[in-house]
Amino acid sequence: MQHQQRRIHVGEVTLEVAVVGEGPLCVLVHGWPELWWSWRHQIEPLVHAGYRVAVPNVRGYGGSDAPRAVEAYRMTALAADIAGLVEALDEEQAILVGHDWGAPIVWSTALLHAERVRAVVGMSVPHVGRGGPMPPTELFASLHADRFFYISYFQALDVPEMEFETDVRSSLAKIYWMNSGDATSEVRKAMRARKTGYLDGIQAPDVLPDWLSEADLDRYAEAFTRSGFSGGIHRYRNMDRDWHELADFDTARIPQPALFLAGEHDSVLRYAPGVDLMQLMAPFFDDLRGQVVIPGAGHWVQQERPEAVNQALLAFLEGL
């Protein structure tokens, strides 16, 4: 199936968007460091199920606009982009599906632009309000004081960009592998060790995992070689700003039908040592219809286990 991309003005920015199919609109929102291509296994099944599917490159990624200012990547702006995309496609509402940072984006769009959202699916990142009693960078510093934590590392301007852009393809191969269900226990230990850089102690796999072809990696590498990593990493640099700006929504409940899905080995679920984030979700939803854990999968769940993800996603949509 051909995935022809269009440039669509959504308000503040213009996004590069693949749009295919006919029927109710379903918007798929990727995370870091990914692209619309991360949803390659979901597009065709959704179209065959009778949906019109729109898959943007989030601002800062691929050929979408990439503002220079850090604050341009605040959550209110990214949620407005998705709501603006629904409007630009002449739809009243859409079903939103997000993975990694795409999950907080769709959770937030469901709260901030509720009239535009028919239902919402988040993958990998649970919604638990603002997530803590203090700004995130302070919370992470207290929780991970004795080891490396990448979100704290990402706060330094230009430092992670320089690390990843030294060899874009190798960096991406390491990032995808180390956060997948295929990573060895040694790699997981190296991720948590005290170190100075994200990739320290991580070797690229001799052979890519089955779910990531050389052509897929080439596609990602070419895009990030052109765009750089700043747009995506700026999202992390707005977490404290979001914590303050979205204070009024701290205890708000997402009103739309919702689903959460994650891989069994997703490290995001263990952000807070000793805390089961999935168990904390219920008070923040009016209609949370399921929490699905995909056996064997890591963080890149819709790429690693597409059949299981598609089955859960389509079952949820059929129930709307």
C-alpha atoms as a PDB file:
ATOM      1  CA  MET A   1       0.000   0.000   0.000  1.00  0.00           C
ATOM      2  CA  GLN A   2       1.391   3.399  -0.990  1.00  0.00           C
ATOM      3  CA  HIS A   3       1.833   5.894   1.845  1.00  0.00           C
ATOM      4  CA  GLN A   4       1.894   9.238   0.089  1.00  0.00           C
ATOM      5  CA  GLN A   5       2.971  12.094   2.327  1.00  0.00           C
ATOM      6  CA  ARG A   6       1.458  15.554   2.298  1.00  0.00           C
ATOM      7  CA  ARG A   7       2.450  18.789   4.001  1.00  0.00           C
ATOM      8  CA  ILE A   8      -0.465  19.966   6.096  1.00  0.00           C
ATOM      9  CA  HIS A   9      -0.633  23.274   7.970  1.00  0.00           C
ATOM     10  CA  VAL A  10      -2.011  22.568  11.442  1.00  0.00           C
ATOM     11  CA  GLY A  11      -1.784  25.983  13.119  1.00  0.00           C
ATOM     12  CA  GLU A  12       1.651  27.098  14.270  1.00  0.00           C
ATOM     13  CA  VAL A  13       3.514  24.653  12.054  1.00  0.00           C
ATOM     14  CA  THR A  14       3.247  22.520   8.941  1.00  0.00           C
ATOM     15  CA  LEU A  15       3.569  18.769   9.392  1.00  0.00           C
ATOM     16  CA  GLU A  16       4.569  16.048   6.981  1.00  0.00           C
ATOM     17  CA  VAL A  17       1.693  13.543   7.097  1.00  0.00           C
ATOM     18  CA  ALA A  18       0.904  10.243   5.408  1.00  0.00           C
ATOM     19  CA  VAL A  19      -2.862  10.031   4.836  1.00  0.00           C
ATOM     20  CA  VAL A  20      -4.512   6.896   3.455  1.00  0.00           C
ATOM     21  CA  GLY A  21      -7.909   5.189   3.476  1.00  0.00           C
ATOM     22  CA  GLU A  22     -11.522   6.226   4.005  1.00  0.00           C
ATOM     23  CA  GLY A  23     -13.772   6.193   7.038  1.00  0.00           C
ATOM     24  CA  PRO A  24     -13.489   7.488  10.605  1.00  0.00           C
ATOM     25  CA  LEU A  25     -10.185   9.250  11.166  1.00  0.00           C
ATOM     26  CA  CYS A  26      -7.445   7.536  13.171  1.00  0.00           C
ATOM     27  CA  VAL A  27      -4.270   9.537  13.917  1.00  0.00           C
ATOM     28  CA  LEU A  28      -1.082   7.644  14.843  1.00  0.00           C
ATOM     29  CA  VAL A  29       1.530   9.669  16.775  1.00  0.00           C
ATOM     30  CA  HIS A  30       5.124   8.429  17.092  1.00  0.00           C
ATOM     31  CA  GLY A  31       7.715   9.012  19.801  1.00  0.00           C
ATOM     32  CA  TRP A  32      11.475   9.445  20.195  1.00  0.00           C
ATOM     33  CA  PRO A  33      13.606   8.812  18.204  1.00  0.00           C
ATOM     34  CA  GLU A  34      11.189   7.626  15.564  1.00  0.00           C
ATOM     35  CA  LEU A  35       9.115   8.723  12.577  1.00  0.00           C
ATOM     36  CA  TRP A  36       5.721   8.083  11.033  1.00  0.00           C
ATOM     37  CA  TRP A  37       7.389   4.916   9.671  1.00  0.00           C
ATOM     38  CA  SER A  38       7.187   3.443  13.171  1.00  0.00           C
ATOM     39  CA  TRP A  39       3.519   2.718  12.390  1.00  0.00           C
ATOM     40  CA  ARG A  40       4.196   0.891   9.106  1.00  0.00           C
ATOM     41  CA  HIS A  41       2.641  -2.343  10.424  1.00  0.00           C
ATOM     42  CA  GLN A  42      -0.559  -0.667  11.677  1.00  0.00           C
ATOM     43  CA  ILE A  43      -1.553   1.483   8.702  1.00  0.00           C
ATOM     44  CA  GLU A  44      -2.775  -1.181   6.298  1.00  0.00           C
ATOM     45  CA  PRO A  45      -4.753  -3.216   8.890  1.00  0.00           C
ATOM     46  CA  LEU A  46      -6.524  -0.040  10.021  1.00  0.00           C
ATOM     47  CA  VAL A  47      -7.339   0.950   6.444  1.00  0.00           C
ATOM     48  CA  HIS A  48      -8.697  -2.532   5.743  1.00  0.00           C
ATOM     49  CA  ALA A  49     -10.815  -2.247   8.893  1.00  0.00           C
ATOM     50  CA  GLY A  50     -12.477   0.853   7.440  1.00  0.00           C
ATOM     51  CA  TYR A  51     -10.500   3.756   8.860  1.00  0.00           C
ATOM     52  CA  ARG A  52      -8.912   6.822   7.340  1.00  0.00           C
ATOM     53  CA  VAL A  53      -5.408   6.861   8.786  1.00  0.00           C
ATOM     54  CA  ALA A  54      -3.238   9.963   9.242  1.00  0.00           C
ATOM     55  CA  VAL A  55       0.349   9.447  10.386  1.00  0.00           C
ATOM     56  CA  PRO A  56       2.350  12.633  10.974  1.00  0.00           C
ATOM     57  CA  ASN A  57       5.974  13.264  11.615  1.00  0.00           C
ATOM     58  CA  VAL A  58       5.732  15.202  14.881  1.00  0.00           C
ATOM     59  CA  ARG A  59       7.144  18.743  14.798  1.00  0.00           C
ATOM     60  CA  GLY A  60      10.925  18.529  14.874  1.00  0.00           C
ATOM     61  CA  TYR A  61      11.052  15.207  13.011  1.00  0.00           C
ATOM     62  CA  GLY A  62      11.519  14.242   9.374  1.00  0.00           C
ATOM     63  CA  GLY A  63      10.232  16.860   6.957  1.00  0.00           C
ATOM     64  CA  SER A  64       7.890  18.533   9.449  1.00  0.00           C
ATOM     65  CA  ASP A  65       8.647  22.054  10.641  1.00  0.00           C
ATOM     66  CA  ALA A  66      11.276  22.194  13.375  1.00  0.00           C
ATOM     67  CA  PRO A  67      11.175  25.445  15.354  1.00  0.00           C
ATOM     68  CA  ARG A  68      14.488  26.346  16.990  1.00  0.00           C
ATOM     69  CA  ALA A  69      13.167  27.457  20.388  1.00  0.00           C
ATOM     70  CA  VAL A  70      13.114  24.857  23.160  1.00  0.00           C
ATOM     71  CA  GLU A  71       9.721  26.052  24.389  1.00  0.00           C
ATOM     72  CA  ALA A  72       8.205  25.377  20.959  1.00  0.00           C
ATOM     73  CA  TYR A  73       8.091  21.714  22.022  1.00  0.00           C
ATOM     74  CA  ARG A  74       5.951  22.248  25.137  1.00  0.00           C
ATOM     75  CA  MET A  75       3.064  19.812  25.511  1.00  0.00           C
ATOM     76  CA  THR A  76       0.362  22.399  24.852  1.00  0.00           C
ATOM     77  CA  ALA A  77       1.923  23.113  21.438  1.00  0.00           C
ATOM     78  CA  LEU A  78       2.216  19.451  20.465  1.00  0.00           C
ATOM     79  CA  ALA A  79      -1.356  18.698  21.534  1.00  0.00           C
ATOM     80  CA  ALA A  80      -2.533  21.699  19.526  1.00  0.00           C
ATOM     81  CA  ASP A  81      -0.719  20.277  16.481  1.00  0.00           C
ATOM     82  CA  ILE A  82      -2.727  17.048  16.691  1.00  0.00           C
ATOM     83  CA  ALA A  83      -6.023  18.842  17.245  1.00  0.00           C
ATOM     84  CA  GLY A  84      -5.117  21.135  14.347  1.00  0.00           C
ATOM     85  CA  LEU A  85      -4.423  18.149  12.132  1.00  0.00           C
ATOM     86  CA  VAL A  86      -7.891  16.728  12.834  1.00  0.00           C
ATOM     87  CA  GLU A  87      -9.417  20.072  11.888  1.00  0.00           C
ATOM     88  CA  ALA A  88      -7.206  20.457   8.798  1.00  0.00           C
ATOM     89  CA  LEU A  89      -8.438  17.075   7.562  1.00  0.00           C
ATOM     90  CA  ASP A  90     -12.028  18.385   7.807  1.00  0.00           C
ATOM     91  CA  GLU A  91     -12.978  16.017  10.610  1.00  0.00           C
ATOM     92  CA  GLU A  92     -14.900  16.792  13.778  1.00  0.00           C
ATOM     93  CA  GLN A  93     -13.174  14.075  15.787  1.00  0.00           C
ATOM     94  CA  ALA A  94     -10.508  11.400  15.533  1.00  0.00           C
ATOM     95  CA  ILE A  95      -9.320   8.327  17.355  1.00  0.00           C
ATOM     96  CA  LEU A  96      -5.805   9.067  18.600  1.00  0.00           C
ATOM     97  CA  VAL A  97      -3.095   6.448  19.072  1.00  0.00           C
ATOM     98  CA  GLY A  98       0.304   7.393  20.475  1.00  0.00           C
ATOM     99  CA  HIS A  99       3.521   5.591  21.374  1.00  0.00           C
ATOM    100  CA  ASP A 100       6.383   6.766  23.610  1.00  0.00           C
ATOM    101  CA  TRP A 101       6.147  10.607  23.628  1.00  0.00           C
ATOM    102  CA  GLY A 102       3.199  10.156  21.285  1.00  0.00           C
ATOM    103  CA  ALA A 103       1.303   8.677  24.250  1.00  0.00           C
ATOM    104  CA  PRO A 104       1.529  11.794  26.470  1.00  0.00           C
ATOM    105  CA  ILE A 105       0.726  13.862  23.381  1.00  0.00           C
ATOM    106  CA  VAL A 106      -2.522  11.962  22.730  1.00  0.00           C
ATOM    107  CA  TRP A 107      -3.402  11.764  26.449  1.00  0.00           C
ATOM    108  CA  SER A 108      -2.951  15.544  26.642  1.00  0.00           C
ATOM    109  CA  THR A 109      -4.890  16.184  23.442  1.00  0.00           C
ATOM    110  CA  ALA A 110      -7.775  14.172  24.895  1.00  0.00           C
ATOM    111  CA  LEU A 111      -7.809  16.555  27.877  1.00  0.00           C
ATOM    112  CA  LEU A 112      -6.963  19.878  26.245  1.00  0.00           C
ATOM    113  CA  HIS A 113      -8.997  19.392  23.041  1.00  0.00           C
ATOM    114  CA  ALA A 114     -11.594  16.889  24.200  1.00  0.00           C
ATOM    115  CA  GLU A 115     -14.077  17.874  21.502  1.00  0.00           C
ATOM    116  CA  ARG A 116     -11.652  16.641  18.825  1.00  0.00           C
ATOM    117  CA  VAL A 117     -11.050  13.193  20.344  1.00  0.00           C
ATOM    118  CA  ARG A 118     -13.409  10.231  19.923  1.00  0.00           C
ATOM    119  CA  ALA A 119     -11.191   7.709  21.729  1.00  0.00           C
ATOM    120  CA  VAL A 120      -7.542   7.438  22.756  1.00  0.00           C
ATOM    121  CA  VAL A 121      -4.895   4.710  22.896  1.00  0.00           C
ATOM    122  CA  GLY A 122      -1.541   5.175  24.607  1.00  0.00           C
ATOM    123  CA  MET A 123       1.377   2.790  24.234  1.00  0.00           C
ATOM    124  CA  SER A 124       4.376   2.459  26.580  1.00  0.00           C
ATOM    125  CA  VAL A 125       3.822   5.621  28.656  1.00  0.00           C
ATOM    126  CA  PRO A 126       0.980   5.444  31.216  1.00  0.00           C
ATOM    127  CA  HIS A 127      -1.067   8.532  32.062  1.00  0.00           C
ATOM    128  CA  VAL A 128      -0.863   9.323  35.779  1.00  0.00           C
ATOM    129  CA  GLY A 129      -1.584  13.054  35.859  1.00  0.00           C
ATOM    130  CA  ARG A 130       1.466  15.256  36.362  1.00  0.00           C
ATOM    131  CA  GLY A 131       3.320  12.212  37.643  1.00  0.00           C
ATOM    132  CA  GLY A 132       4.609  13.473  40.964  1.00  0.00           C
ATOM    133  CA  PRO A 133       4.596  16.081  43.727  1.00  0.00           C
ATOM    134  CA  MET A 134       7.520  18.053  42.285  1.00  0.00           C
ATOM    135  CA  PRO A 135       8.836  19.053  38.843  1.00  0.00           C
ATOM    136  CA  PRO A 136      10.008  15.965  36.939  1.00  0.00           C
ATOM    137  CA  THR A 137      13.703  16.854  36.822  1.00  0.00           C
ATOM    138  CA  GLU A 138      13.747  17.143  40.614  1.00  0.00           C
ATOM    139  CA  LEU A 139      11.841  13.887  40.993  1.00  0.00           C
ATOM    140  CA  PHE A 140      14.146  11.990  38.637  1.00  0.00           C
ATOM    141  CA  ALA A 141      17.229  13.381  40.384  1.00  0.00           C
ATOM    142  CA  SER A 142      15.956  12.008  43.692  1.00  0.00           C
ATOM    143  CA  LEU A 143      14.876   8.632  42.273  1.00  0.00           C
ATOM    144  CA  HIS A 144      17.995   7.973  40.199  1.00  0.00           C
ATOM    145  CA  ALA A 145      20.700   9.701  42.203  1.00  0.00           C
ATOM    146  CA  ASP A 146      22.981   6.660  42.156  1.00  0.00           C
ATOM    147  CA  ARG A 147      22.811   5.839  38.459  1.00  0.00           C
ATOM    148  CA  PHE A 148      22.581   7.325  34.970  1.00  0.00           C
ATOM    149  CA  PHE A 149      19.106   8.461  33.925  1.00  0.00           C
ATOM    150  CA  TYR A 150      18.693   9.599  30.359  1.00  0.00           C
ATOM    151  CA  ILE A 151      16.012  12.259  30.941  1.00  0.00           C
ATOM    152  CA  SER A 152      18.337  14.055  33.352  1.00  0.00           C
ATOM    153  CA  TYR A 153      21.137  13.770  30.782  1.00  0.00           C
ATOM    154  CA  PHE A 154      18.897  15.199  28.056  1.00  0.00           C
ATOM    155  CA  GLN A 155      18.432  18.475  29.945  1.00  0.00           C
ATOM    156  CA  ALA A 156      21.899  19.721  28.915  1.00  0.00           C
ATOM    157  CA  LEU A 157      21.655  21.666  25.661  1.00  0.00           C
ATOM    158  CA  ASP A 158      23.602  20.189  22.733  1.00  0.00           C
ATOM    159  CA  VAL A 159      25.336  17.468  24.776  1.00  0.00           C
ATOM    160  CA  PRO A 160      23.148  14.476  23.804  1.00  0.00           C
ATOM    161  CA  GLU A 161      22.806  15.823  20.274  1.00  0.00           C
ATOM    162  CA  MET A 162      26.584  15.780  19.884  1.00  0.00           C
ATOM    163  CA  GLU A 163      26.731  12.210  21.155  1.00  0.00           C
ATOM    164  CA  PHE A 164      24.025  10.863  18.837  1.00  0.00           C
ATOM    165  CA  GLU A 165      24.994  12.850  15.752  1.00  0.00           C
ATOM    166  CA  THR A 166      28.614  11.633  15.774  1.00  0.00           C
ATOM    167  CA  ASP A 167      27.374   8.479  14.005  1.00  0.00           C
ATOM    168  CA  VAL A 168      23.629   8.695  13.459  1.00  0.00           C
ATOM    169  CA  ARG A 169      23.070   5.196  12.108  1.00  0.00           C
ATOM    170  CA  SER A 170      25.096   3.503  14.821  1.00  0.00           C
ATOM    171  CA  SER A 171      23.429   5.599  17.529  1.00  0.00           C
ATOM    172  CA  LEU A 172      19.961   4.647  16.333  1.00  0.00           C
ATOM    173  CA  ALA A 173      20.863   0.964  16.046  1.00  0.00           C
ATOM    174  CA  LYS A 174      22.054   1.011  19.656  1.00  0.00           C
ATOM    175  CA  ILE A 175      19.026   2.946  20.923  1.00  0.00           C
ATOM    176  CA  TYR A 176      16.527   0.654  19.217  1.00  0.00           C
ATOM    177  CA  TRP A 177      18.299  -2.525  20.301  1.00  0.00           C
ATOM    178  CA  MET A 178      19.019  -1.557  23.919  1.00  0.00           C
ATOM    179  CA  ASN A 179      15.384  -0.629  24.537  1.00  0.00           C
ATOM    180  CA  SER A 180      13.879  -3.653  22.798  1.00  0.00           C
ATOM    181  CA  GLY A 181      12.794  -6.997  24.142  1.00  0.00           C
ATOM    182  CA  ASP A 182      15.851  -8.471  22.419  1.00  0.00           C
ATOM    183  CA  ALA A 183      18.370  -6.673  24.641  1.00  0.00           C
ATOM    184  CA  THR A 184      20.490  -8.886  26.849  1.00  0.00           C
ATOM    185  CA  SER A 185      20.697  -8.583  30.632  1.00  0.00           C
ATOM    186  CA  GLU A 186      24.196  -7.121  30.194  1.00  0.00           C
ATOM    187  CA  VAL A 187      22.812  -4.342  28.000  1.00  0.00           C
ATOM    188  CA  ARG A 188      20.051  -3.588  30.497  1.00  0.00           C
ATOM    189  CA  LYS A 189      22.647  -3.406  33.274  1.00  0.00           C
ATOM    190  CA  ALA A 190      24.785  -1.045  31.181  1.00  0.00           C
ATOM    191  CA  MET A 191      21.769   1.219  30.637  1.00  0.00           C
ATOM    192  CA  ARG A 192      21.394   1.678  34.388  1.00  0.00           C
ATOM    193  CA  ALA A 193      25.068   1.981  35.318  1.00  0.00           C
ATOM    194  CA  ARG A 194      26.674   5.200  36.457  1.00  0.00           C
ATOM    195  CA  LYS A 195      28.155   6.769  33.297  1.00  0.00           C
ATOM    196  CA  THR A 196      28.479  10.059  31.445  1.00  0.00           C
ATOM    197  CA  GLY A 197      26.741   9.372  28.105  1.00  0.00           C
ATOM    198  CA  TYR A 198      23.610   7.576  26.939  1.00  0.00           C
ATOM    199  CA  LEU A 199      25.459   5.090  24.745  1.00  0.00           C
ATOM    200  CA  ASP A 200      28.413   4.406  27.054  1.00  0.00           C
ATOM    201  CA  GLY A 201      28.978   0.688  27.420  1.00  0.00           C
ATOM    202  CA  ILE A 202      26.547  -0.202  24.617  1.00  0.00           C
ATOM    203  CA  GLN A 203      27.725  -2.059  21.531  1.00  0.00           C
ATOM    204  CA  ALA A 204      25.664  -2.121  18.353  1.00  0.00           C
ATOM    205  CA  PRO A 205      24.198  -5.592  17.700  1.00  0.00           C
ATOM    206  CA  ASP A 206      26.096  -7.764  15.227  1.00  0.00           C
ATOM    207  CA  VAL A 207      22.768  -8.524  13.539  1.00  0.00           C
ATOM    208  CA  LEU A 208      19.709  -6.300  13.758  1.00  0.00           C
ATOM    209  CA  PRO A 209      16.680  -7.810  15.514  1.00  0.00           C
ATOM    210  CA  ASP A 210      14.097  -9.432  13.255  1.00  0.00           C
ATOM    211  CA  TRP A 211      11.654  -6.528  13.590  1.00  0.00           C
ATOM    212  CA  LEU A 212      14.152  -3.916  12.307  1.00  0.00           C
ATOM    213  CA  SER A 213      15.483  -4.385   8.792  1.00  0.00           C
ATOM    214  CA  GLU A 214      18.577  -2.717   7.370  1.00  0.00           C
ATOM    215  CA  ALA A 215      16.245  -0.737   5.082  1.00  0.00           C
ATOM    216  CA  ASP A 216      14.187   0.427   8.080  1.00  0.00           C
ATOM    217  CA  LEU A 217      17.318   1.572   9.893  1.00  0.00           C
ATOM    218  CA  ASP A 218      18.527   3.344   6.737  1.00  0.00           C
ATOM    219  CA  ARG A 219      15.222   5.225   6.552  1.00  0.00           C
ATOM    220  CA  TYR A 220      15.500   6.406  10.152  1.00  0.00           C
ATOM    221  CA  ALA A 221      19.184   7.274   9.810  1.00  0.00           C
ATOM    222  CA  GLU A 222      18.647   9.320   6.654  1.00  0.00           C
ATOM    223  CA  ALA A 223      15.874  11.323   8.311  1.00  0.00           C
ATOM    224  CA  PHE A 224      17.818  12.055  11.510  1.00  0.00           C
ATOM    225  CA  THR A 225      20.948  12.903   9.533  1.00  0.00           C
ATOM    226  CA  ARG A 226      18.900  15.653   7.860  1.00  0.00           C
ATOM    227  CA  SER A 227      16.926  16.862  10.876  1.00  0.00           C
ATOM    228  CA  GLY A 228      19.325  16.259  13.733  1.00  0.00           C
ATOM    229  CA  PHE A 229      18.087  15.234  17.172  1.00  0.00           C
ATOM    230  CA  SER A 230      17.321  18.600  18.784  1.00  0.00           C
ATOM    231  CA  GLY A 231      13.603  18.733  17.993  1.00  0.00           C
ATOM    232  CA  GLY A 232      12.929  15.404  19.634  1.00  0.00           C
ATOM    233  CA  ILE A 233      15.168  16.024  22.644  1.00  0.00           C
ATOM    234  CA  HIS A 234      13.627  19.462  23.227  1.00  0.00           C
ATOM    235  CA  ARG A 235      10.465  17.585  24.234  1.00  0.00           C
ATOM    236  CA  TYR A 236      12.313  16.290  27.313  1.00  0.00           C
ATOM    237  CA  ARG A 237      13.528  19.812  28.098  1.00  0.00           C
ATOM    238  CA  ASN A 238       9.935  20.974  28.514  1.00  0.00           C
ATOM    239  CA  MET A 239       8.881  18.473  31.175  1.00  0.00           C
ATOM    240  CA  ASP A 240       9.214  20.936  34.051  1.00  0.00           C
ATOM    241  CA  ARG A 241       7.455  23.621  32.005  1.00  0.00           C
ATOM    242  CA  ASP A 242       4.593  21.197  31.295  1.00  0.00           C
ATOM    243  CA  TRP A 243       4.388  20.287  34.995  1.00  0.00           C
ATOM    244  CA  HIS A 244       3.689  23.939  35.804  1.00  0.00           C
ATOM    245  CA  GLU A 245       1.537  24.814  32.782  1.00  0.00           C
ATOM    246  CA  LEU A 246      -0.762  21.791  33.122  1.00  0.00           C
ATOM    247  CA  ALA A 247      -1.256  22.082  36.880  1.00  0.00           C
ATOM    248  CA  ASP A 248      -5.011  22.580  36.447  1.00  0.00           C
ATOM    249  CA  PHE A 249      -5.211  19.124  34.843  1.00  0.00           C
ATOM    250  CA  ASP A 250      -3.332  17.293  37.589  1.00  0.00           C
ATOM    251  CA  THR A 251      -6.363  15.313  38.728  1.00  0.00           C
ATOM    252  CA  ALA A 252      -8.429  15.628  35.532  1.00  0.00           C
ATOM    253  CA  ARG A 253      -9.936  12.424  34.174  1.00  0.00           C
ATOM    254  CA  ILE A 254      -9.670  11.558  30.486  1.00  0.00           C
ATOM    255  CA  PRO A 255     -13.341  11.255  29.477  1.00  0.00           C
ATOM    256  CA  GLN A 256     -13.033   9.300  26.222  1.00  0.00           C
ATOM    257  CA  PRO A 257     -12.868   5.509  25.885  1.00  0.00           C
ATOM    258  CA  ALA A 258      -9.215   4.623  26.404  1.00  0.00           C
ATOM    259  CA  LEU A 259      -6.763   1.742  26.093  1.00  0.00           C
ATOM    260  CA  PHE A 260      -3.207   1.314  27.372  1.00  0.00           C
ATOM    261  CA  LEU A 261      -0.737  -1.097  25.815  1.00  0.00           C
ATOM    262  CA  ALA A 262       2.915  -1.845  26.551  1.00  0.00           C
ATOM    263  CA  GLY A 263       5.633  -4.416  26.070  1.00  0.00           C
ATOM    264  CA  GLU A 264       6.460  -6.758  28.927  1.00  0.00           C
ATOM    265  CA  HIS A 265      10.077  -5.547  29.048  1.00  0.00           C
ATOM    266  CA  ASP A 266       9.436  -1.827  28.531  1.00  0.00           C
ATOM    267  CA  SER A 267      11.765   0.072  30.859  1.00  0.00           C
ATOM    268  CA  VAL A 268       9.378   3.042  30.931  1.00  0.00           C
ATOM    269  CA  LEU A 269       7.089   1.031  33.205  1.00  0.00           C
ATOM    270  CA  ARG A 270       9.929   1.025  35.752  1.00  0.00           C
ATOM    271  CA  TYR A 271      10.740   4.747  35.701  1.00  0.00           C
ATOM    272  CA  ALA A 272      10.017   4.928  39.426  1.00  0.00           C
ATOM    273  CA  PRO A 273      11.737   1.983  41.139  1.00  0.00           C
ATOM    274  CA  GLY A 274       9.276  -0.119  43.105  1.00  0.00           C
ATOM    275  CA  VAL A 275       6.219   1.620  41.633  1.00  0.00           C
ATOM    276  CA  ASP A 276       3.757  -0.059  39.250  1.00  0.00           C
ATOM    277  CA  LEU A 277       2.707   2.865  37.073  1.00  0.00           C
ATOM    278  CA  MET A 278      -0.064   0.871  35.400  1.00  0.00           C
ATOM    279  CA  GLN A 279      -1.781   0.419  38.760  1.00  0.00           C
ATOM    280  CA  LEU A 280      -1.850   4.198  39.202  1.00  0.00           C
ATOM    281  CA  MET A 281      -3.763   4.906  35.976  1.00  0.00           C
ATOM    282  CA  ALA A 282      -7.388   4.153  36.905  1.00  0.00           C
ATOM    283  CA  PRO A 283      -8.206   7.403  38.820  1.00  0.00           C
ATOM    284  CA  PHE A 284      -7.254   9.450  35.755  1.00  0.00           C
ATOM    285  CA  PHE A 285      -9.797   7.879  33.368  1.00  0.00           C
ATOM    286  CA  ASP A 286     -13.574   7.713  33.095  1.00  0.00           C
ATOM    287  CA  ASP A 287     -13.541   4.773  30.674  1.00  0.00           C
ATOM    288  CA  LEU A 288     -10.245   2.862  30.708  1.00  0.00           C
ATOM    289  CA  ARG A 289     -11.216  -0.281  28.811  1.00  0.00           C
ATOM    290  CA  GLY A 290      -8.036  -2.262  29.147  1.00  0.00           C
ATOM    291  CA  GLN A 291      -4.341  -2.478  29.948  1.00  0.00           C
ATOM    292  CA  VAL A 292      -2.636  -4.906  27.603  1.00  0.00           C
ATOM    293  CA  VAL A 293       0.898  -6.184  28.198  1.00  0.00           C
ATOM    294  CA  ILE A 294       2.500  -7.834  25.158  1.00  0.00           C
ATOM    295  CA  PRO A 295       4.754 -10.772  26.146  1.00  0.00           C
ATOM    296  CA  GLY A 296       8.365 -10.601  25.044  1.00  0.00           C
ATOM    297  CA  ALA A 297       8.161  -7.049  23.680  1.00  0.00           C
ATOM    298  CA  GLY A 298      10.280  -4.140  24.789  1.00  0.00           C
ATOM    299  CA  HIS A 299       9.716  -0.445  24.238  1.00  0.00           C
ATOM    300  CA  TRP A 300       9.110  -0.464  20.454  1.00  0.00           C
ATOM    301  CA  VAL A 301       6.030  -2.587  20.940  1.00  0.00           C
ATOM    302  CA  GLN A 302       4.108  -1.859  17.726  1.00  0.00           C
ATOM    303  CA  GLN A 303       7.215  -2.652  15.686  1.00  0.00           C
ATOM    304  CA  GLU A 304       8.397  -5.623  17.737  1.00  0.00           C
ATOM    305  CA  ARG A 305       5.020  -7.401  18.011  1.00  0.00           C
ATOM    306  CA  PRO A 306       2.782  -5.886  15.307  1.00  0.00           C
ATOM    307  CA  GLU A 307       0.287  -8.756  15.125  1.00  0.00           C
ATOM    308  CA  ALA A 308      -0.422  -8.714  18.863  1.00  0.00           C
ATOM    309  CA  VAL A 309      -0.644  -4.914  18.899  1.00  0.00           C
ATOM    310  CA  ASN A 310      -2.968  -4.842  15.887  1.00  0.00           C
ATOM    311  CA  GLN A 311      -5.220  -7.471  17.441  1.00  0.00           C
ATOM    312  CA  ALA A 312      -5.578  -5.479  20.654  1.00  0.00           C
ATOM    313  CA  LEU A 313      -5.996  -2.180  18.825  1.00  0.00           C
ATOM    314  CA  LEU A 314      -8.663  -3.459  16.418  1.00  0.00           C
ATOM    315  CA  ALA A 315     -10.572  -5.173  19.238  1.00  0.00           C
ATOM    316  CA  PHE A 316     -10.679  -1.863  21.111  1.00  0.00           C
ATOM    317  CA  LEU A 317     -11.845   0.032  18.025  1.00  0.00           C
ATOM    318  CA  GLU A 318     -14.553  -2.539  17.279  1.00  0.00           C
ATOM    319  CA  GLY A 319     -15.938  -1.948  20.755  1.00  0.00           C
ATOM    320  CA  LEU A 320     -16.425   1.777  20.309  1.00  0.00           C
END
